């Protein structure tokens, strides 16, 4: 078995599909650009639809489904924070994949609660399987796409970067042999959490996503034992790490939904 066959896809495939599909429909990128981006996630893509009312034989039809609808909203739920998702198959799947795209597949202009579709992605760099399931509880997707203002979140992230660095500085135990090793590890983890975006006109989105990726990487370094953290130290830092992780999920969700909304205007 090759190394790539047991590795996971790059982070945030659902978010990438959503923003690149919106950019395509806003004529901010070519259709080939979208396909190239998806190929960066996996060499092959398969789509499973929930029933006869949704025909999604391939990824091109999936892109059309994401585009031809009333509203879409990305959510990134975690234990204790469902981000507005009702209980059911979609929420359970999203908890394991860490992201879902809610699709109000009614005609443009429709508002209010509906039994939306939930799109998740699973796979490896060789093959990505896109799964669509319809919610069994109605949600207002248009409301879920309106998150906290990016300006407030950007400020909170600036504060959080310093806090995350302090957490690492306060943890003793085995560390990479030199500061350069720590910087390299942090850079690699940050890059793995980066989301490539289509051309757009909102630099705050870039800043928010970059800060979220950096904080995620710091939290990962502190939380998975990469720094040789003792059990007692991990317990002390755990609440702070969870709060930082929650902030990055909220900020990343808001940034992606803001960009999608900008494209769809």
C-alpha atoms as a PDB file:
ATOM      1  CA  UNK A   1       0.000   0.000   0.000  1.00  0.00           C
ATOM      2  CA  UNK A   2       1.353   3.408  -0.884  1.00  0.00           C
ATOM      3  CA  UNK A   3       1.644   6.267   1.566  1.00  0.00           C
ATOM      4  CA  UNK A   4      -0.944   8.348  -0.273  1.00  0.00           C
ATOM      5  CA  UNK A   5      -3.516   5.560  -0.173  1.00  0.00           C
ATOM      6  CA  UNK A   6      -3.631   5.660   3.616  1.00  0.00           C
ATOM      7  CA  UNK A   7      -3.456   9.434   3.939  1.00  0.00           C
ATOM      8  CA  UNK A   8      -6.406  11.748   4.195  1.00  0.00           C
ATOM      9  CA  UNK A   9      -7.550  14.481   1.882  1.00  0.00           C
ATOM     10  CA  UNK A  10      -6.581  18.075   2.380  1.00  0.00           C
ATOM     11  CA  UNK A  11      -8.730  19.958   4.849  1.00  0.00           C
ATOM     12  CA  UNK A  12     -12.079  21.558   3.958  1.00  0.00           C
ATOM     13  CA  UNK A  13     -13.080  19.909   0.630  1.00  0.00           C
ATOM     14  CA  UNK A  14     -16.753  20.852   1.104  1.00  0.00           C
ATOM     15  CA  UNK A  15     -15.889  24.494   1.733  1.00  0.00           C
ATOM     16  CA  UNK A  16     -13.618  24.520  -1.313  1.00  0.00           C
ATOM     17  CA  UNK A  17     -16.346  23.133  -3.558  1.00  0.00           C
ATOM     18  CA  UNK A  18     -18.859  25.668  -2.239  1.00  0.00           C
ATOM     19  CA  UNK A  19     -16.702  28.765  -2.746  1.00  0.00           C
ATOM     20  CA  UNK A  20     -15.306  27.702  -6.126  1.00  0.00           C
ATOM     21  CA  UNK A  21     -18.774  26.802  -7.425  1.00  0.00           C
ATOM     22  CA  UNK A  22     -20.038  30.226  -6.321  1.00  0.00           C
ATOM     23  CA  UNK A  23     -17.059  31.911  -7.979  1.00  0.00           C
ATOM     24  CA  UNK A  24     -17.712  30.031 -11.220  1.00  0.00           C
ATOM     25  CA  UNK A  25     -21.312  31.228 -11.299  1.00  0.00           C
ATOM     26  CA  UNK A  26     -20.167  34.795 -10.592  1.00  0.00           C
ATOM     27  CA  UNK A  27     -17.739  34.538 -13.558  1.00  0.00           C
ATOM     28  CA  UNK A  28     -14.765  35.012 -11.208  1.00  0.00           C
ATOM     29  CA  UNK A  29     -13.129  31.805 -12.413  1.00  0.00           C
ATOM     30  CA  UNK A  30     -13.432  29.325 -15.256  1.00  0.00           C
ATOM     31  CA  UNK A  31     -15.153  25.926 -14.889  1.00  0.00           C
ATOM     32  CA  UNK A  32     -11.780  24.257 -15.448  1.00  0.00           C
ATOM     33  CA  UNK A  33     -10.431  26.132 -12.414  1.00  0.00           C
ATOM     34  CA  UNK A  34     -13.078  24.480 -10.248  1.00  0.00           C
ATOM     35  CA  UNK A  35     -12.275  21.024 -11.584  1.00  0.00           C
ATOM     36  CA  UNK A  36      -8.552  21.641 -11.087  1.00  0.00           C
ATOM     37  CA  UNK A  37      -9.183  22.615  -7.460  1.00  0.00           C
ATOM     38  CA  UNK A  38     -11.238  19.489  -6.836  1.00  0.00           C
ATOM     39  CA  UNK A  39      -8.522  17.384  -8.434  1.00  0.00           C
ATOM     40  CA  UNK A  40      -6.104  18.799  -5.854  1.00  0.00           C
ATOM     41  CA  UNK A  41      -8.268  17.099  -3.226  1.00  0.00           C
ATOM     42  CA  UNK A  42      -8.724  13.750  -4.973  1.00  0.00           C
ATOM     43  CA  UNK A  43      -7.990  12.186  -8.323  1.00  0.00           C
ATOM     44  CA  UNK A  44     -11.507  10.774  -8.666  1.00  0.00           C
ATOM     45  CA  UNK A  45     -14.871  11.927  -7.335  1.00  0.00           C
ATOM     46  CA  UNK A  46     -18.076   9.977  -6.797  1.00  0.00           C
ATOM     47  CA  UNK A  47     -21.472  11.323  -5.744  1.00  0.00           C
ATOM     48  CA  UNK A  48     -24.214   9.548  -3.810  1.00  0.00           C
ATOM     49  CA  UNK A  49     -27.650  11.187  -3.821  1.00  0.00           C
ATOM     50  CA  UNK A  50     -30.391  10.515  -1.273  1.00  0.00           C
ATOM     51  CA  UNK A  51     -33.305   9.631  -3.549  1.00  0.00           C
ATOM     52  CA  UNK A  52     -34.864   9.981  -6.987  1.00  0.00           C
ATOM     53  CA  UNK A  53     -35.606  13.679  -6.425  1.00  0.00           C
ATOM     54  CA  UNK A  54     -31.879  14.492  -6.595  1.00  0.00           C
ATOM     55  CA  UNK A  55     -29.879  13.369  -9.623  1.00  0.00           C
ATOM     56  CA  UNK A  56     -26.164  13.687  -8.976  1.00  0.00           C
ATOM     57  CA  UNK A  57     -24.345  11.232 -11.182  1.00  0.00           C
ATOM     58  CA  UNK A  58     -21.063  13.124 -11.246  1.00  0.00           C
ATOM     59  CA  UNK A  59     -19.265  16.088  -9.752  1.00  0.00           C
ATOM     60  CA  UNK A  60     -20.361  18.461 -12.563  1.00  0.00           C
ATOM     61  CA  UNK A  61     -24.000  17.815 -11.704  1.00  0.00           C
ATOM     62  CA  UNK A  62     -23.100  18.345  -8.072  1.00  0.00           C
ATOM     63  CA  UNK A  63     -21.632  21.765  -8.907  1.00  0.00           C
ATOM     64  CA  UNK A  64     -24.870  22.679 -10.674  1.00  0.00           C
ATOM     65  CA  UNK A  65     -26.880  21.577  -7.641  1.00  0.00           C
ATOM     66  CA  UNK A  66     -24.760  23.761  -5.361  1.00  0.00           C
ATOM     67  CA  UNK A  67     -25.355  26.707  -7.694  1.00  0.00           C
ATOM     68  CA  UNK A  68     -29.023  26.375  -8.655  1.00  0.00           C
ATOM     69  CA  UNK A  69     -30.731  26.896  -5.320  1.00  0.00           C
ATOM     70  CA  UNK A  70     -32.133  29.437  -2.910  1.00  0.00           C
ATOM     71  CA  UNK A  71     -29.397  29.375  -0.244  1.00  0.00           C
ATOM     72  CA  UNK A  72     -26.291  27.491   0.884  1.00  0.00           C
ATOM     73  CA  UNK A  73     -24.434  27.622   4.184  1.00  0.00           C
ATOM     74  CA  UNK A  74     -21.296  25.905   5.433  1.00  0.00           C
ATOM     75  CA  UNK A  75     -21.339  24.582   8.992  1.00  0.00           C
ATOM     76  CA  UNK A  76     -18.467  23.085  11.003  1.00  0.00           C
ATOM     77  CA  UNK A  77     -20.036  21.329  13.993  1.00  0.00           C
ATOM     78  CA  UNK A  78     -18.281  19.699  16.920  1.00  0.00           C
ATOM     79  CA  UNK A  79     -19.332  17.991  20.114  1.00  0.00           C
ATOM     80  CA  UNK A  80     -21.251  20.496  22.194  1.00  0.00           C
ATOM     81  CA  UNK A  81     -21.678  22.931  19.302  1.00  0.00           C
ATOM     82  CA  UNK A  82     -23.900  21.709  16.469  1.00  0.00           C
ATOM     83  CA  UNK A  83     -23.827  25.148  14.762  1.00  0.00           C
ATOM     84  CA  UNK A  84     -27.571  25.013  14.143  1.00  0.00           C
ATOM     85  CA  UNK A  85     -27.717  21.485  12.723  1.00  0.00           C
ATOM     86  CA  UNK A  86     -30.703  19.418  13.892  1.00  0.00           C
ATOM     87  CA  UNK A  87     -30.143  15.859  15.168  1.00  0.00           C
ATOM     88  CA  UNK A  88     -30.048  13.172  12.507  1.00  0.00           C
ATOM     89  CA  UNK A  89     -27.922  11.501   9.862  1.00  0.00           C
ATOM     90  CA  UNK A  90     -26.521  14.736   8.465  1.00  0.00           C
ATOM     91  CA  UNK A  91     -25.393  16.022  11.854  1.00  0.00           C
ATOM     92  CA  UNK A  92     -23.864  12.652  12.769  1.00  0.00           C
ATOM     93  CA  UNK A  93     -21.900  12.583   9.516  1.00  0.00           C
ATOM     94  CA  UNK A  94     -20.824  16.203   9.856  1.00  0.00           C
ATOM     95  CA  UNK A  95     -19.497  15.546  13.349  1.00  0.00           C
ATOM     96  CA  UNK A  96     -17.060  13.016  11.915  1.00  0.00           C
ATOM     97  CA  UNK A  97     -16.064  14.945   8.769  1.00  0.00           C
ATOM     98  CA  UNK A  98     -16.020  18.329  10.580  1.00  0.00           C
ATOM     99  CA  UNK A  99     -17.878  20.215   7.840  1.00  0.00           C
ATOM    100  CA  UNK A 100     -21.114  20.119   5.891  1.00  0.00           C
ATOM    101  CA  UNK A 101     -22.734  22.259   3.216  1.00  0.00           C
ATOM    102  CA  UNK A 102     -26.449  22.833   3.760  1.00  0.00           C
ATOM    103  CA  UNK A 103     -28.317  23.345   0.488  1.00  0.00           C
ATOM    104  CA  UNK A 104     -31.783  24.873   0.297  1.00  0.00           C
ATOM    105  CA  UNK A 105     -32.545  23.385  -3.114  1.00  0.00           C
ATOM    106  CA  UNK A 106     -35.727  25.346  -3.673  1.00  0.00           C
ATOM    107  CA  UNK A 107     -35.758  28.001  -6.439  1.00  0.00           C
ATOM    108  CA  UNK A 108     -33.874  31.242  -5.848  1.00  0.00           C
ATOM    109  CA  UNK A 109     -35.908  33.702  -3.794  1.00  0.00           C
ATOM    110  CA  UNK A 110     -37.367  31.075  -1.449  1.00  0.00           C
ATOM    111  CA  UNK A 111     -36.951  31.739   2.259  1.00  0.00           C
ATOM    112  CA  UNK A 112     -37.800  30.162   5.579  1.00  0.00           C
ATOM    113  CA  UNK A 113     -37.295  26.664   6.998  1.00  0.00           C
ATOM    114  CA  UNK A 114     -37.054  23.712   4.630  1.00  0.00           C
ATOM    115  CA  UNK A 115     -35.866  20.119   4.568  1.00  0.00           C
ATOM    116  CA  UNK A 116     -32.467  21.041   3.192  1.00  0.00           C
ATOM    117  CA  UNK A 117     -29.804  18.783   1.731  1.00  0.00           C
ATOM    118  CA  UNK A 118     -26.572  18.164   3.592  1.00  0.00           C
ATOM    119  CA  UNK A 119     -23.384  17.560   1.591  1.00  0.00           C
ATOM    120  CA  UNK A 120     -20.313  15.978   3.159  1.00  0.00           C
ATOM    121  CA  UNK A 121     -17.083  14.552   1.706  1.00  0.00           C
ATOM    122  CA  UNK A 122     -15.083  11.492   2.716  1.00  0.00           C
ATOM    123  CA  UNK A 123     -12.056   9.932   1.125  1.00  0.00           C
ATOM    124  CA  UNK A 124      -8.378   9.932   0.331  1.00  0.00           C
ATOM    125  CA  UNK A 125      -6.218  11.752  -2.215  1.00  0.00           C
ATOM    126  CA  UNK A 126      -7.148   8.937  -4.616  1.00  0.00           C
ATOM    127  CA  UNK A 127     -10.940   8.991  -4.299  1.00  0.00           C
ATOM    128  CA  UNK A 128     -13.449  11.365  -2.730  1.00  0.00           C
ATOM    129  CA  UNK A 129     -17.028  10.295  -2.117  1.00  0.00           C
ATOM    130  CA  UNK A 130     -19.546  13.123  -1.885  1.00  0.00           C
ATOM    131  CA  UNK A 131     -22.616  12.178   0.128  1.00  0.00           C
ATOM    132  CA  UNK A 132     -25.951  13.985  -0.021  1.00  0.00           C
ATOM    133  CA  UNK A 133     -28.639  13.360   2.572  1.00  0.00           C
ATOM    134  CA  UNK A 134     -31.835  15.266   3.177  1.00  0.00           C
ATOM    135  CA  UNK A 135     -32.479  16.593   6.654  1.00  0.00           C
ATOM    136  CA  UNK A 136     -35.522  15.241   8.469  1.00  0.00           C
ATOM    137  CA  UNK A 137     -36.009  18.497  10.401  1.00  0.00           C
ATOM    138  CA  UNK A 138     -36.559  21.811   8.633  1.00  0.00           C
ATOM    139  CA  UNK A 139     -33.923  24.526   8.997  1.00  0.00           C
ATOM    140  CA  UNK A 140     -33.677  28.080   7.658  1.00  0.00           C
ATOM    141  CA  UNK A 141     -30.475  27.879   5.612  1.00  0.00           C
ATOM    142  CA  UNK A 142     -30.611  31.614   4.841  1.00  0.00           C
ATOM    143  CA  UNK A 143     -30.313  32.399   8.556  1.00  0.00           C
ATOM    144  CA  UNK A 144     -27.460  29.950   9.073  1.00  0.00           C
ATOM    145  CA  UNK A 145     -25.466  31.692   6.356  1.00  0.00           C
ATOM    146  CA  UNK A 146     -25.489  34.904   8.426  1.00  0.00           C
ATOM    147  CA  UNK A 147     -22.705  34.477  10.986  1.00  0.00           C
ATOM    148  CA  UNK A 148     -20.921  36.871  13.318  1.00  0.00           C
ATOM    149  CA  UNK A 149     -19.360  39.953  11.663  1.00  0.00           C
ATOM    150  CA  UNK A 150     -15.905  39.198  10.292  1.00  0.00           C
ATOM    151  CA  UNK A 151     -14.469  42.355  11.853  1.00  0.00           C
ATOM    152  CA  UNK A 152     -15.296  41.152  15.362  1.00  0.00           C
ATOM    153  CA  UNK A 153     -13.988  37.674  14.619  1.00  0.00           C
ATOM    154  CA  UNK A 154     -10.756  39.022  13.152  1.00  0.00           C
ATOM    155  CA  UNK A 155     -10.116  40.980  16.348  1.00  0.00           C
ATOM    156  CA  UNK A 156     -10.819  37.892  18.463  1.00  0.00           C
ATOM    157  CA  UNK A 157      -8.442  35.839  16.329  1.00  0.00           C
ATOM    158  CA  UNK A 158      -5.624  38.362  16.752  1.00  0.00           C
ATOM    159  CA  UNK A 159      -6.004  38.016  20.510  1.00  0.00           C
ATOM    160  CA  UNK A 160      -6.190  34.243  20.225  1.00  0.00           C
ATOM    161  CA  UNK A 161      -2.932  33.906  18.271  1.00  0.00           C
ATOM    162  CA  UNK A 162      -1.044  35.384  21.216  1.00  0.00           C
ATOM    163  CA  UNK A 163      -2.923  33.206  23.691  1.00  0.00           C
ATOM    164  CA  UNK A 164      -2.194  30.056  21.697  1.00  0.00           C
ATOM    165  CA  UNK A 165       1.515  30.921  21.580  1.00  0.00           C
ATOM    166  CA  UNK A 166       1.501  31.435  25.352  1.00  0.00           C
ATOM    167  CA  UNK A 167      -0.032  27.997  25.860  1.00  0.00           C
ATOM    168  CA  UNK A 168       2.815  26.360  23.960  1.00  0.00           C
ATOM    169  CA  UNK A 169       5.404  28.466  25.785  1.00  0.00           C
ATOM    170  CA  UNK A 170       3.977  27.369  29.130  1.00  0.00           C
ATOM    171  CA  UNK A 171       4.086  23.657  28.401  1.00  0.00           C
ATOM    172  CA  UNK A 172       7.160  21.752  29.434  1.00  0.00           C
ATOM    173  CA  UNK A 173       8.352  18.405  28.179  1.00  0.00           C
ATOM    174  CA  UNK A 174      10.086  17.118  25.094  1.00  0.00           C
ATOM    175  CA  UNK A 175      10.054  19.611  22.240  1.00  0.00           C
ATOM    176  CA  UNK A 176      11.532  19.712  18.771  1.00  0.00           C
ATOM    177  CA  UNK A 177      15.303  19.987  19.120  1.00  0.00           C
ATOM    178  CA  UNK A 178      15.526  23.593  17.948  1.00  0.00           C
ATOM    179  CA  UNK A 179      13.198  26.592  17.538  1.00  0.00           C
ATOM    180  CA  UNK A 180      13.584  26.083  13.791  1.00  0.00           C
ATOM    181  CA  UNK A 181      12.108  22.579  14.127  1.00  0.00           C
ATOM    182  CA  UNK A 182       9.112  24.003  15.971  1.00  0.00           C
ATOM    183  CA  UNK A 183       8.646  26.684  13.318  1.00  0.00           C
ATOM    184  CA  UNK A 184       8.841  24.052  10.576  1.00  0.00           C
ATOM    185  CA  UNK A 185       6.287  21.846  12.306  1.00  0.00           C
ATOM    186  CA  UNK A 186       3.962  24.783  12.803  1.00  0.00           C
ATOM    187  CA  UNK A 187       4.354  25.898   9.181  1.00  0.00           C
ATOM    188  CA  UNK A 188       3.589  22.403   7.871  1.00  0.00           C
ATOM    189  CA  UNK A 189       0.476  22.069  10.033  1.00  0.00           C
ATOM    190  CA  UNK A 190      -0.697  25.558   9.065  1.00  0.00           C
ATOM    191  CA  UNK A 191      -0.248  24.773   5.363  1.00  0.00           C
ATOM    192  CA  UNK A 192      -2.261  21.571   5.748  1.00  0.00           C
ATOM    193  CA  UNK A 193      -5.187  23.645   7.071  1.00  0.00           C
ATOM    194  CA  UNK A 194      -5.012  26.306   4.374  1.00  0.00           C
ATOM    195  CA  UNK A 195      -7.930  26.775   1.988  1.00  0.00           C
ATOM    196  CA  UNK A 196      -7.169  27.897  -1.572  1.00  0.00           C
ATOM    197  CA  UNK A 197      -9.688  30.550  -2.619  1.00  0.00           C
ATOM    198  CA  UNK A 198     -10.868  31.832  -6.008  1.00  0.00           C
ATOM    199  CA  UNK A 199     -10.247  35.485  -6.954  1.00  0.00           C
ATOM    200  CA  UNK A 200     -12.232  37.771  -4.669  1.00  0.00           C
ATOM    201  CA  UNK A 201     -12.309  41.300  -3.250  1.00  0.00           C
ATOM    202  CA  UNK A 202     -12.477  40.737   0.493  1.00  0.00           C
ATOM    203  CA  UNK A 203      -8.986  40.711   2.080  1.00  0.00           C
ATOM    204  CA  UNK A 204     -10.514  40.259   5.546  1.00  0.00           C
ATOM    205  CA  UNK A 205     -11.610  36.771   4.492  1.00  0.00           C
ATOM    206  CA  UNK A 206      -7.972  35.912   3.727  1.00  0.00           C
ATOM    207  CA  UNK A 207      -6.782  37.282   7.070  1.00  0.00           C
ATOM    208  CA  UNK A 208      -9.433  35.434   9.062  1.00  0.00           C
ATOM    209  CA  UNK A 209      -8.775  32.107   7.338  1.00  0.00           C
ATOM    210  CA  UNK A 210      -4.989  32.490   7.699  1.00  0.00           C
ATOM    211  CA  UNK A 211      -5.282  33.253  11.418  1.00  0.00           C
ATOM    212  CA  UNK A 212      -7.692  30.353  11.943  1.00  0.00           C
ATOM    213  CA  UNK A 213      -5.281  27.955  10.226  1.00  0.00           C
ATOM    214  CA  UNK A 214      -2.380  29.170  12.358  1.00  0.00           C
ATOM    215  CA  UNK A 215      -4.305  28.820  15.618  1.00  0.00           C
ATOM    216  CA  UNK A 216      -5.545  25.369  14.604  1.00  0.00           C
ATOM    217  CA  UNK A 217      -1.946  24.314  13.974  1.00  0.00           C
ATOM    218  CA  UNK A 218      -0.784  25.620  17.363  1.00  0.00           C
ATOM    219  CA  UNK A 219      -3.654  23.846  19.114  1.00  0.00           C
ATOM    220  CA  UNK A 220      -2.787  20.643  17.275  1.00  0.00           C
ATOM    221  CA  UNK A 221       0.854  20.877  18.307  1.00  0.00           C
ATOM    222  CA  UNK A 222      -0.130  21.440  21.927  1.00  0.00           C
ATOM    223  CA  UNK A 223      -2.911  18.895  22.056  1.00  0.00           C
ATOM    224  CA  UNK A 224      -1.682  15.728  20.351  1.00  0.00           C
ATOM    225  CA  UNK A 225       1.439  15.223  22.405  1.00  0.00           C
ATOM    226  CA  UNK A 226       3.793  16.609  19.758  1.00  0.00           C
ATOM    227  CA  UNK A 227       5.359  18.707  22.493  1.00  0.00           C
ATOM    228  CA  UNK A 228       5.591  15.934  25.057  1.00  0.00           C
ATOM    229  CA  UNK A 229       2.890  17.498  27.237  1.00  0.00           C
ATOM    230  CA  UNK A 230       2.261  15.783  30.568  1.00  0.00           C
ATOM    231  CA  UNK A 231      -1.223  14.655  31.531  1.00  0.00           C
ATOM    232  CA  UNK A 232      -1.521  17.318  34.238  1.00  0.00           C
ATOM    233  CA  UNK A 233      -0.452  20.083  31.880  1.00  0.00           C
ATOM    234  CA  UNK A 234      -2.830  18.875  29.205  1.00  0.00           C
ATOM    235  CA  UNK A 235      -5.724  19.016  31.666  1.00  0.00           C
ATOM    236  CA  UNK A 236      -4.865  22.580  32.654  1.00  0.00           C
ATOM    237  CA  UNK A 237      -4.662  23.716  29.021  1.00  0.00           C
ATOM    238  CA  UNK A 238      -7.617  21.683  27.763  1.00  0.00           C
ATOM    239  CA  UNK A 239     -10.348  24.274  28.356  1.00  0.00           C
ATOM    240  CA  UNK A 240      -8.293  27.003  26.702  1.00  0.00           C
ATOM    241  CA  UNK A 241      -7.526  24.792  23.714  1.00  0.00           C
ATOM    242  CA  UNK A 242     -11.190  23.867  23.270  1.00  0.00           C
ATOM    243  CA  UNK A 243     -12.185  27.526  23.362  1.00  0.00           C
ATOM    244  CA  UNK A 244      -9.572  28.401  20.749  1.00  0.00           C
ATOM    245  CA  UNK A 245     -10.714  25.538  18.530  1.00  0.00           C
ATOM    246  CA  UNK A 246     -14.319  26.703  18.815  1.00  0.00           C
ATOM    247  CA  UNK A 247     -13.280  30.209  17.821  1.00  0.00           C
ATOM    248  CA  UNK A 248     -11.438  28.984  14.724  1.00  0.00           C
ATOM    249  CA  UNK A 249     -14.450  26.927  13.621  1.00  0.00           C
ATOM    250  CA  UNK A 250     -16.756  29.899  14.076  1.00  0.00           C
ATOM    251  CA  UNK A 251     -14.384  32.243  12.265  1.00  0.00           C
ATOM    252  CA  UNK A 252     -13.691  29.869   9.379  1.00  0.00           C
ATOM    253  CA  UNK A 253     -17.404  29.198   8.903  1.00  0.00           C
ATOM    254  CA  UNK A 254     -18.196  32.918   8.878  1.00  0.00           C
ATOM    255  CA  UNK A 255     -15.401  33.725   6.426  1.00  0.00           C
ATOM    256  CA  UNK A 256     -16.463  31.054   3.948  1.00  0.00           C
ATOM    257  CA  UNK A 257     -20.154  31.973   4.154  1.00  0.00           C
ATOM    258  CA  UNK A 258     -19.286  35.649   3.721  1.00  0.00           C
ATOM    259  CA  UNK A 259     -17.346  34.891   0.551  1.00  0.00           C
ATOM    260  CA  UNK A 260     -20.122  32.693  -0.853  1.00  0.00           C
ATOM    261  CA  UNK A 261     -22.649  35.453  -0.135  1.00  0.00           C
ATOM    262  CA  UNK A 262     -20.427  38.015  -1.860  1.00  0.00           C
ATOM    263  CA  UNK A 263     -20.229  35.851  -4.984  1.00  0.00           C
ATOM    264  CA  UNK A 264     -23.980  35.184  -5.062  1.00  0.00           C
ATOM    265  CA  UNK A 265     -25.031  38.840  -4.878  1.00  0.00           C
END
